[in-house]
Amino acid sequence: MLSISGTGKVREYRLVHRVAMAAQDRDGKELLAPSVLQLNRDFSYDDQQVMAKEAEEAMLHREMEQDILRQLLRRLAFLR
């Protein structure tokens, strides 16, 4: 929850997607130091549009997963 209205209703949420990663070769030699990739997205909420806001949240989660996967693949590409 990011913010609430004066009546105590949620107005904004913050979505957080976090992935920890590291890479080693077959011999256990560290190729990529442990690190955390994190994305944050804020979105507004409206009790009058519950279905639309649920769809928006699902879309944001998918986009965040895709973004973090692209970041992870770019880091792994540098290991070649």
PDB file of N, CA and C in Angstrom:
ATOM      1  N   MET A   1       0.849  -1.172   0.000  1.00  0.00           N
ATOM      2  CA  MET A   1       0.000   0.000   0.000  1.00  0.00           C
ATOM      3  C   MET A   1       0.894   1.234   0.000  1.00  0.00           C
ATOM      4  N   LEU A   2       0.580   2.152  -0.874  1.00  0.00           N
ATOM      5  CA  LEU A   2       1.388   3.358  -1.010  1.00  0.00           C
ATOM      6  C   LEU A   2       0.727   4.564  -0.342  1.00  0.00           C
ATOM      7  N   SER A   3      -0.585   4.718  -0.550  1.00  0.00           N
ATOM      8  CA  SER A   3      -1.285   5.840   0.095  1.00  0.00           C
ATOM      9  C   SER A   3      -2.741   5.474   0.349  1.00  0.00           C
ATOM     10  N   ILE A   4      -3.330   6.189   1.304  1.00  0.00           N
ATOM     11  CA  ILE A   4      -4.742   5.986   1.612  1.00  0.00           C
ATOM     12  C   ILE A   4      -5.456   7.333   1.580  1.00  0.00           C
ATOM     13  N   SER A   5      -6.762   7.269   1.387  1.00  0.00           N
ATOM     14  CA  SER A   5      -7.562   8.495   1.351  1.00  0.00           C
ATOM     15  C   SER A   5      -7.853   8.954   2.778  1.00  0.00           C
ATOM     16  N   GLY A   6      -8.488  10.095   2.892  1.00  0.00           N
ATOM     17  CA  GLY A   6      -8.869  10.622   4.199  1.00  0.00           C
ATOM     18  C   GLY A   6      -9.868   9.738   4.922  1.00  0.00           C
ATOM     19  N   THR A   7     -10.587   8.911   4.165  1.00  0.00           N
ATOM     20  CA  THR A   7     -11.564   7.999   4.760  1.00  0.00           C
ATOM     21  C   THR A   7     -10.962   6.631   5.053  1.00  0.00           C
ATOM     22  N   GLY A   8      -9.673   6.480   4.831  1.00  0.00           N
ATOM     23  CA  GLY A   8      -8.999   5.225   5.144  1.00  0.00           C
ATOM     24  C   GLY A   8      -9.019   4.197   4.031  1.00  0.00           C
ATOM     25  N   LYS A   9      -9.461   4.572   2.837  1.00  0.00           N
ATOM     26  CA  LYS A   9      -9.479   3.641   1.708  1.00  0.00           C
ATOM     27  C   LYS A   9      -8.158   3.729   0.950  1.00  0.00           C
ATOM     28  N   VAL A  10      -7.736   2.592   0.449  1.00  0.00           N
ATOM     29  CA  VAL A  10      -6.488   2.539  -0.313  1.00  0.00           C
ATOM     30  C   VAL A  10      -6.664   3.296  -1.619  1.00  0.00           C
ATOM     31  N   ARG A  11      -5.703   4.147  -1.944  1.00  0.00           N
ATOM     32  CA  ARG A  11      -5.743   4.912  -3.196  1.00  0.00           C
ATOM     33  C   ARG A  11      -4.646   4.497  -4.156  1.00  0.00           C
ATOM     34  N   GLU A  12      -3.517   4.061  -3.611  1.00  0.00           N
ATOM     35  CA  GLU A  12      -2.398   3.654  -4.463  1.00  0.00           C
ATOM     36  C   GLU A  12      -1.701   2.445  -3.859  1.00  0.00           C
ATOM     37  N   TYR A  13      -1.190   1.604  -4.744  1.00  0.00           N
ATOM     38  CA  TYR A  13      -0.393   0.452  -4.340  1.00  0.00           C
ATOM     39  C   TYR A  13       0.972   0.536  -4.994  1.00  0.00           C
ATOM     40  N   ARG A  14       1.943  -0.075  -4.363  1.00  0.00           N
ATOM     41  CA  ARG A  14       3.274  -0.230  -4.956  1.00  0.00           C
ATOM     42  C   ARG A  14       3.515  -1.723  -5.117  1.00  0.00           C
ATOM     43  N   LEU A  15       3.771  -2.129  -6.347  1.00  0.00           N
ATOM     44  CA  LEU A  15       4.118  -3.515  -6.641  1.00  0.00           C
ATOM     45  C   LEU A  15       5.628  -3.629  -6.678  1.00  0.00           C
ATOM     46  N   VAL A  16       6.163  -4.667  -6.063  1.00  0.00           N
ATOM     47  CA  VAL A  16       7.610  -4.880  -6.023  1.00  0.00           C
ATOM     48  C   VAL A  16       7.891  -6.282  -6.556  1.00  0.00           C
ATOM     49  N   HIS A  17       8.801  -6.355  -7.508  1.00  0.00           N
ATOM     50  CA  HIS A  17       9.233  -7.647  -8.056  1.00  0.00           C
ATOM     51  C   HIS A  17      10.740  -7.713  -7.854  1.00  0.00           C
ATOM     52  N   ARG A  18      11.195  -8.713  -7.096  1.00  0.00           N
ATOM     53  CA  ARG A  18      12.607  -8.809  -6.727  1.00  0.00           C
ATOM     54  C   ARG A  18      13.118 -10.214  -7.047  1.00  0.00           C
ATOM     55  N   VAL A  19      14.290 -10.275  -7.690  1.00  0.00           N
ATOM     56  CA  VAL A  19      14.920 -11.550  -8.028  1.00  0.00           C
ATOM     57  C   VAL A  19      16.378 -11.488  -7.608  1.00  0.00           C
ATOM     58  N   ALA A  20      16.811 -12.501  -6.867  1.00  0.00           N
ATOM     59  CA  ALA A  20      18.231 -12.614  -6.507  1.00  0.00           C
ATOM     60  C   ALA A  20      18.895 -13.519  -7.534  1.00  0.00           C
ATOM     61  N   MET A  21      20.113 -13.158  -7.942  1.00  0.00           N
ATOM     62  CA  MET A  21      20.800 -13.961  -8.942  1.00  0.00           C
ATOM     63  C   MET A  21      22.296 -14.013  -8.679  1.00  0.00           C
ATOM     64  N   ALA A  22      22.908 -15.061  -9.185  1.00  0.00           N
ATOM     65  CA  ALA A  22      24.355 -15.241  -9.163  1.00  0.00           C
ATOM     66  C   ALA A  22      24.658 -16.296 -10.217  1.00  0.00           C
ATOM     67  N   ALA A  23      25.898 -16.360 -10.670  1.00  0.00           N
ATOM     68  CA  ALA A  23      26.268 -17.370 -11.662  1.00  0.00           C
ATOM     69  C   ALA A  23      27.649 -17.915 -11.343  1.00  0.00           C
ATOM     70  N   GLN A  24      27.767 -19.234 -11.523  1.00  0.00           N
ATOM     71  CA  GLN A  24      29.038 -19.917 -11.326  1.00  0.00           C
ATOM     72  C   GLN A  24      29.287 -20.829 -12.519  1.00  0.00           C
ATOM     73  N   ASP A  25      30.568 -21.109 -12.798  1.00  0.00           N
ATOM     74  CA  ASP A  25      30.859 -22.083 -13.839  1.00  0.00           C
ATOM     75  C   ASP A  25      30.786 -23.489 -13.242  1.00  0.00           C
ATOM     76  N   ARG A  26      31.094 -24.486 -14.045  1.00  0.00           N
ATOM     77  CA  ARG A  26      30.981 -25.884 -13.594  1.00  0.00           C
ATOM     78  C   ARG A  26      31.916 -26.203 -12.438  1.00  0.00           C
ATOM     79  N   ASP A  27      33.020 -25.459 -12.347  1.00  0.00           N
ATOM     80  CA  ASP A  27      33.993 -25.696 -11.278  1.00  0.00           C
ATOM     81  C   ASP A  27      33.675 -24.912 -10.012  1.00  0.00           C
ATOM     82  N   GLY A  28      32.586 -24.160 -10.036  1.00  0.00           N
ATOM     83  CA  GLY A  28      32.201 -23.382  -8.867  1.00  0.00           C
ATOM     84  C   GLY A  28      32.810 -21.986  -8.828  1.00  0.00           C
ATOM     85  N   LYS A  29      33.545 -21.620  -9.869  1.00  0.00           N
ATOM     86  CA  LYS A  29      34.131 -20.272  -9.938  1.00  0.00           C
ATOM     87  C   LYS A  29      33.016 -19.251 -10.183  1.00  0.00           C
ATOM     88  N   GLU A  30      33.052 -18.188  -9.386  1.00  0.00           N
ATOM     89  CA  GLU A  30      32.016 -17.155  -9.500  1.00  0.00           C
ATOM     90  C   GLU A  30      32.171 -16.388 -10.804  1.00  0.00           C
ATOM     91  N   LEU A  31      31.130 -16.391 -11.608  1.00  0.00           N
ATOM     92  CA  LEU A  31      31.116 -15.636 -12.857  1.00  0.00           C
ATOM     93  C   LEU A  31      30.356 -14.322 -12.707  1.00  0.00           C
ATOM     94  N   LEU A  32      29.374 -14.355 -11.859  1.00  0.00           N
ATOM     95  CA  LEU A  32      28.549 -13.176 -11.626  1.00  0.00           C
ATOM     96  C   LEU A  32      28.257 -13.106 -10.135  1.00  0.00           C
ATOM     97  N   ALA A  33      28.710 -12.045  -9.510  1.00  0.00           N
ATOM     98  CA  ALA A  33      28.525 -11.893  -8.060  1.00  0.00           C
ATOM     99  C   ALA A  33      27.046 -11.858  -7.711  1.00  0.00           C
ATOM    100  N   PRO A  34      26.696 -12.347  -6.537  1.00  0.00           N
ATOM    101  CA  PRO A  34      25.286 -12.293  -6.120  1.00  0.00           C
ATOM    102  C   PRO A  34      24.772 -10.853  -6.162  1.00  0.00           C
ATOM    103  N   SER A  35      23.597 -10.697  -6.719  1.00  0.00           N
ATOM    104  CA  SER A  35      22.982  -9.373  -6.803  1.00  0.00           C
ATOM    105  C   SER A  35      21.469  -9.537  -6.797  1.00  0.00           C
ATOM    106  N   VAL A  36      20.801  -8.433  -6.620  1.00  0.00           N
ATOM    107  CA  VAL A  36      19.333  -8.431  -6.592  1.00  0.00           C
ATOM    108  C   VAL A  36      18.842  -7.476  -7.666  1.00  0.00           C
ATOM    109  N   LEU A  37      17.931  -7.964  -8.483  1.00  0.00           N
ATOM    110  CA  LEU A  37      17.251  -7.120  -9.462  1.00  0.00           C
ATOM    111  C   LEU A  37      15.889  -6.787  -8.871  1.00  0.00           C
ATOM    112  N   GLN A  38      15.531  -5.521  -8.880  1.00  0.00           N
ATOM    113  CA  GLN A  38      14.253  -5.122  -8.293  1.00  0.00           C
ATOM    114  C   GLN A  38      13.576  -4.081  -9.162  1.00  0.00           C
ATOM    115  N   LEU A  39      12.287  -4.265  -9.357  1.00  0.00           N
ATOM    116  CA  LEU A  39      11.462  -3.294 -10.068  1.00  0.00           C
ATOM    117  C   LEU A  39      10.303  -2.893  -9.170  1.00  0.00           C
ATOM    118  N   ASN A  40       9.936  -1.628  -9.222  1.00  0.00           N
ATOM    119  CA  ASN A  40       8.788  -1.109  -8.470  1.00  0.00           C
ATOM    120  C   ASN A  40       7.841  -0.439  -9.445  1.00  0.00           C
ATOM    121  N   ARG A  41       6.563  -0.651  -9.255  1.00  0.00           N
ATOM    122  CA  ARG A  41       5.542   0.022 -10.049  1.00  0.00           C
ATOM    123  C   ARG A  41       4.452   0.489  -9.096  1.00  0.00           C
ATOM    124  N   ASP A  42       4.032   1.715  -9.268  1.00  0.00           N
ATOM    125  CA  ASP A  42       2.937   2.271  -8.476  1.00  0.00           C
ATOM    126  C   ASP A  42       1.695   2.333  -9.355  1.00  0.00           C
ATOM    127  N   PHE A  43       0.532   2.030  -8.781  1.00  0.00           N
ATOM    128  CA  PHE A  43      -0.704   2.200  -9.530  1.00  0.00           C
ATOM    129  C   PHE A  43      -1.822   2.621  -8.595  1.00  0.00           C
ATOM    130  N   SER A  44      -2.737   3.374  -9.149  1.00  0.00           N
ATOM    131  CA  SER A  44      -3.860   3.886  -8.357  1.00  0.00           C
ATOM    132  C   SER A  44      -4.945   2.819  -8.265  1.00  0.00           C
ATOM    133  N   TYR A  45      -5.764   2.938  -7.248  1.00  0.00           N
ATOM    134  CA  TYR A  45      -6.846   1.989  -7.028  1.00  0.00           C
ATOM    135  C   TYR A  45      -8.146   2.757  -6.869  1.00  0.00           C
ATOM    136  N   ASP A  46      -9.221   2.167  -7.400  1.00  0.00           N
ATOM    137  CA  ASP A  46     -10.539   2.794  -7.309  1.00  0.00           C
ATOM    138  C   ASP A  46     -11.564   1.696  -7.048  1.00  0.00           C
ATOM    139  N   ASP A  47     -12.299   1.805  -5.931  1.00  0.00           N
ATOM    140  CA  ASP A  47     -13.325   0.817  -5.577  1.00  0.00           C
ATOM    141  C   ASP A  47     -14.398   0.680  -6.649  1.00  0.00           C
ATOM    142  N   GLN A  48     -14.571   1.707  -7.442  1.00  0.00           N
ATOM    143  CA  GLN A  48     -15.606   1.689  -8.482  1.00  0.00           C
ATOM    144  C   GLN A  48     -15.165   0.911  -9.726  1.00  0.00           C
ATOM    145  N   GLN A  49     -13.876   0.583  -9.809  1.00  0.00           N
ATOM    146  CA  GLN A  49     -13.341  -0.094 -10.996  1.00  0.00           C
ATOM    147  C   GLN A  49     -12.519  -1.321 -10.593  1.00  0.00           C
ATOM    148  N   VAL A  50     -13.080  -2.153  -9.756  1.00  0.00           N
ATOM    149  CA  VAL A  50     -12.340  -3.293  -9.198  1.00  0.00           C
ATOM    150  C   VAL A  50     -11.828  -4.217 -10.292  1.00  0.00           C
ATOM    151  N   MET A  51     -12.679  -4.605 -11.232  1.00  0.00           N
ATOM    152  CA  MET A  51     -12.274  -5.540 -12.287  1.00  0.00           C
ATOM    153  C   MET A  51     -11.160  -4.942 -13.157  1.00  0.00           C
ATOM    154  N   ALA A  52     -11.313  -3.689 -13.515  1.00  0.00           N
ATOM    155  CA  ALA A  52     -10.310  -3.040 -14.355  1.00  0.00           C
ATOM    156  C   ALA A  52      -8.981  -2.921 -13.612  1.00  0.00           C
ATOM    157  N   LYS A  53      -9.033  -2.611 -12.342  1.00  0.00           N
ATOM    158  CA  LYS A  53      -7.808  -2.467 -11.557  1.00  0.00           C
ATOM    159  C   LYS A  53      -7.122  -3.807 -11.336  1.00  0.00           C
ATOM    160  N   GLU A  54      -7.912  -4.892 -11.189  1.00  0.00           N
ATOM    161  CA  GLU A  54      -7.310  -6.219 -11.076  1.00  0.00           C
ATOM    162  C   GLU A  54      -6.593  -6.591 -12.372  1.00  0.00           C
ATOM    163  N   ALA A  55      -7.211  -6.261 -13.511  1.00  0.00           N
ATOM    164  CA  ALA A  55      -6.584  -6.531 -14.808  1.00  0.00           C
ATOM    165  C   ALA A  55      -5.319  -5.693 -14.962  1.00  0.00           C
ATOM    166  N   GLU A  56      -5.370  -4.437 -14.531  1.00  0.00           N
ATOM    167  CA  GLU A  56      -4.188  -3.569 -14.604  1.00  0.00           C
ATOM    168  C   GLU A  56      -3.056  -4.130 -13.751  1.00  0.00           C
ATOM    169  N   GLU A  57      -3.386  -4.598 -12.547  1.00  0.00           N
ATOM    170  CA  GLU A  57      -2.365  -5.167 -11.673  1.00  0.00           C
ATOM    171  C   GLU A  57      -1.725  -6.411 -12.303  1.00  0.00           C
ATOM    172  N   ALA A  58      -2.548  -7.273 -12.888  1.00  0.00           N
ATOM    173  CA  ALA A  58      -2.025  -8.483 -13.546  1.00  0.00           C
ATOM    174  C   ALA A  58      -1.109  -8.103 -14.711  1.00  0.00           C
ATOM    175  N   MET A  59      -1.500  -7.099 -15.486  1.00  0.00           N
ATOM    176  CA  MET A  59      -0.687  -6.643 -16.604  1.00  0.00           C
ATOM    177  C   MET A  59       0.654  -6.085 -16.107  1.00  0.00           C
ATOM    178  N   LEU A  60       0.620  -5.302 -15.036  1.00  0.00           N
ATOM    179  CA  LEU A  60       1.847  -4.745 -14.474  1.00  0.00           C
ATOM    180  C   LEU A  60       2.777  -5.855 -13.987  1.00  0.00           C
ATOM    181  N   HIS A  61       2.219  -6.882 -13.347  1.00  0.00           N
ATOM    182  CA  HIS A  61       3.041  -8.016 -12.896  1.00  0.00           C
ATOM    183  C   HIS A  61       3.709  -8.700 -14.087  1.00  0.00           C
ATOM    184  N   ARG A  62       2.956  -8.944 -15.158  1.00  0.00           N
ATOM    185  CA  ARG A  62       3.531  -9.581 -16.353  1.00  0.00           C
ATOM    186  C   ARG A  62       4.645  -8.728 -16.935  1.00  0.00           C
ATOM    187  N   GLU A  63       4.414  -7.423 -17.055  1.00  0.00           N
ATOM    188  CA  GLU A  63       5.433  -6.518 -17.602  1.00  0.00           C
ATOM    189  C   GLU A  63       6.682  -6.500 -16.729  1.00  0.00           C
ATOM    190  N   MET A  64       6.488  -6.510 -15.413  1.00  0.00           N
ATOM    191  CA  MET A  64       7.628  -6.501 -14.506  1.00  0.00           C
ATOM    192  C   MET A  64       8.424  -7.802 -14.646  1.00  0.00           C
ATOM    193  N   GLU A  65       7.735  -8.932 -14.748  1.00  0.00           N
ATOM    194  CA  GLU A  65       8.423 -10.207 -14.929  1.00  0.00           C
ATOM    195  C   GLU A  65       9.234 -10.201 -16.224  1.00  0.00           C
ATOM    196  N   GLN A  66       8.639  -9.692 -17.299  1.00  0.00           N
ATOM    197  CA  GLN A  66       9.346  -9.626 -18.581  1.00  0.00           C
ATOM    198  C   GLN A  66      10.545  -8.689 -18.502  1.00  0.00           C
ATOM    199  N   ASP A  67      10.383  -7.541 -17.869  1.00  0.00           N
ATOM    200  CA  ASP A  67      11.492  -6.578 -17.728  1.00  0.00           C
ATOM    201  C   ASP A  67      12.641  -7.187 -16.927  1.00  0.00           C
ATOM    202  N   ILE A  68      12.323  -7.845 -15.844  1.00  0.00           N
ATOM    203  CA  ILE A  68      13.378  -8.399 -14.997  1.00  0.00           C
ATOM    204  C   ILE A  68      14.067  -9.562 -15.700  1.00  0.00           C
ATOM    205  N   LEU A  69      13.315 -10.335 -16.477  1.00  0.00           N
ATOM    206  CA  LEU A  69      13.911 -11.419 -17.247  1.00  0.00           C
ATOM    207  C   LEU A  69      14.870 -10.865 -18.299  1.00  0.00           C
ATOM    208  N   ARG A  70      14.488  -9.793 -18.975  1.00  0.00           N
ATOM    209  CA  ARG A  70      15.388  -9.159 -19.962  1.00  0.00           C
ATOM    210  C   ARG A  70      16.674  -8.671 -19.289  1.00  0.00           C
ATOM    211  N   GLN A  71      16.546  -8.069 -18.109  1.00  0.00           N
ATOM    212  CA  GLN A  71      17.738  -7.607 -17.384  1.00  0.00           C
ATOM    213  C   GLN A  71      18.637  -8.780 -17.028  1.00  0.00           C
ATOM    214  N   LEU A  72      18.036  -9.864 -16.560  1.00  0.00           N
ATOM    215  CA  LEU A  72      18.801 -11.048 -16.184  1.00  0.00           C
ATOM    216  C   LEU A  72      19.521 -11.626 -17.406  1.00  0.00           C
ATOM    217  N   LEU A  73      18.830 -11.729 -18.527  1.00  0.00           N
ATOM    218  CA  LEU A  73      19.440 -12.264 -19.749  1.00  0.00           C
ATOM    219  C   LEU A  73      20.558 -11.366 -20.272  1.00  0.00           C
ATOM    220  N   ARG A  74      20.395 -10.043 -20.161  1.00  0.00           N
ATOM    221  CA  ARG A  74      21.473  -9.123 -20.583  1.00  0.00           C
ATOM    222  C   ARG A  74      22.714  -9.344 -19.738  1.00  0.00           C
ATOM    223  N   ARG A  75      22.548  -9.519 -18.443  1.00  0.00           N
ATOM    224  CA  ARG A  75      23.710  -9.750 -17.562  1.00  0.00           C
ATOM    225  C   ARG A  75      24.378 -11.078 -17.903  1.00  0.00           C
ATOM    226  N   LEU A  76      23.580 -12.100 -18.164  1.00  0.00           N
ATOM    227  CA  LEU A  76      24.155 -13.395 -18.514  1.00  0.00           C
ATOM    228  C   LEU A  76      24.856 -13.355 -19.875  1.00  0.00           C
ATOM    229  N   ALA A  77      24.371 -12.527 -20.783  1.00  0.00           N
ATOM    230  CA  ALA A  77      24.974 -12.410 -22.114  1.00  0.00           C
ATOM    231  C   ALA A  77      26.405 -11.870 -22.019  1.00  0.00           C
ATOM    232  N   PHE A  78      26.694 -11.071 -21.024  1.00  0.00           N
ATOM    233  CA  PHE A  78      28.042 -10.518 -20.875  1.00  0.00           C
ATOM    234  C   PHE A  78      29.046 -11.563 -20.417  1.00  0.00           C
ATOM    235  N   LEU A  79      28.579 -12.700 -19.978  1.00  0.00           N
ATOM    236  CA  LEU A  79      29.486 -13.749 -19.500  1.00  0.00           C
ATOM    237  C   LEU A  79      30.152 -14.505 -20.639  1.00  0.00           C
ATOM    238  N   ARG A  80      29.642 -14.394 -21.841  1.00  0.00           N
ATOM    239  CA  ARG A  80      30.208 -15.117 -22.988  1.00  0.00           C
ATOM    240  C   ARG A  80      31.549 -14.600 -23.373  1.00  0.00           C
TER     241      ARG A  80
END
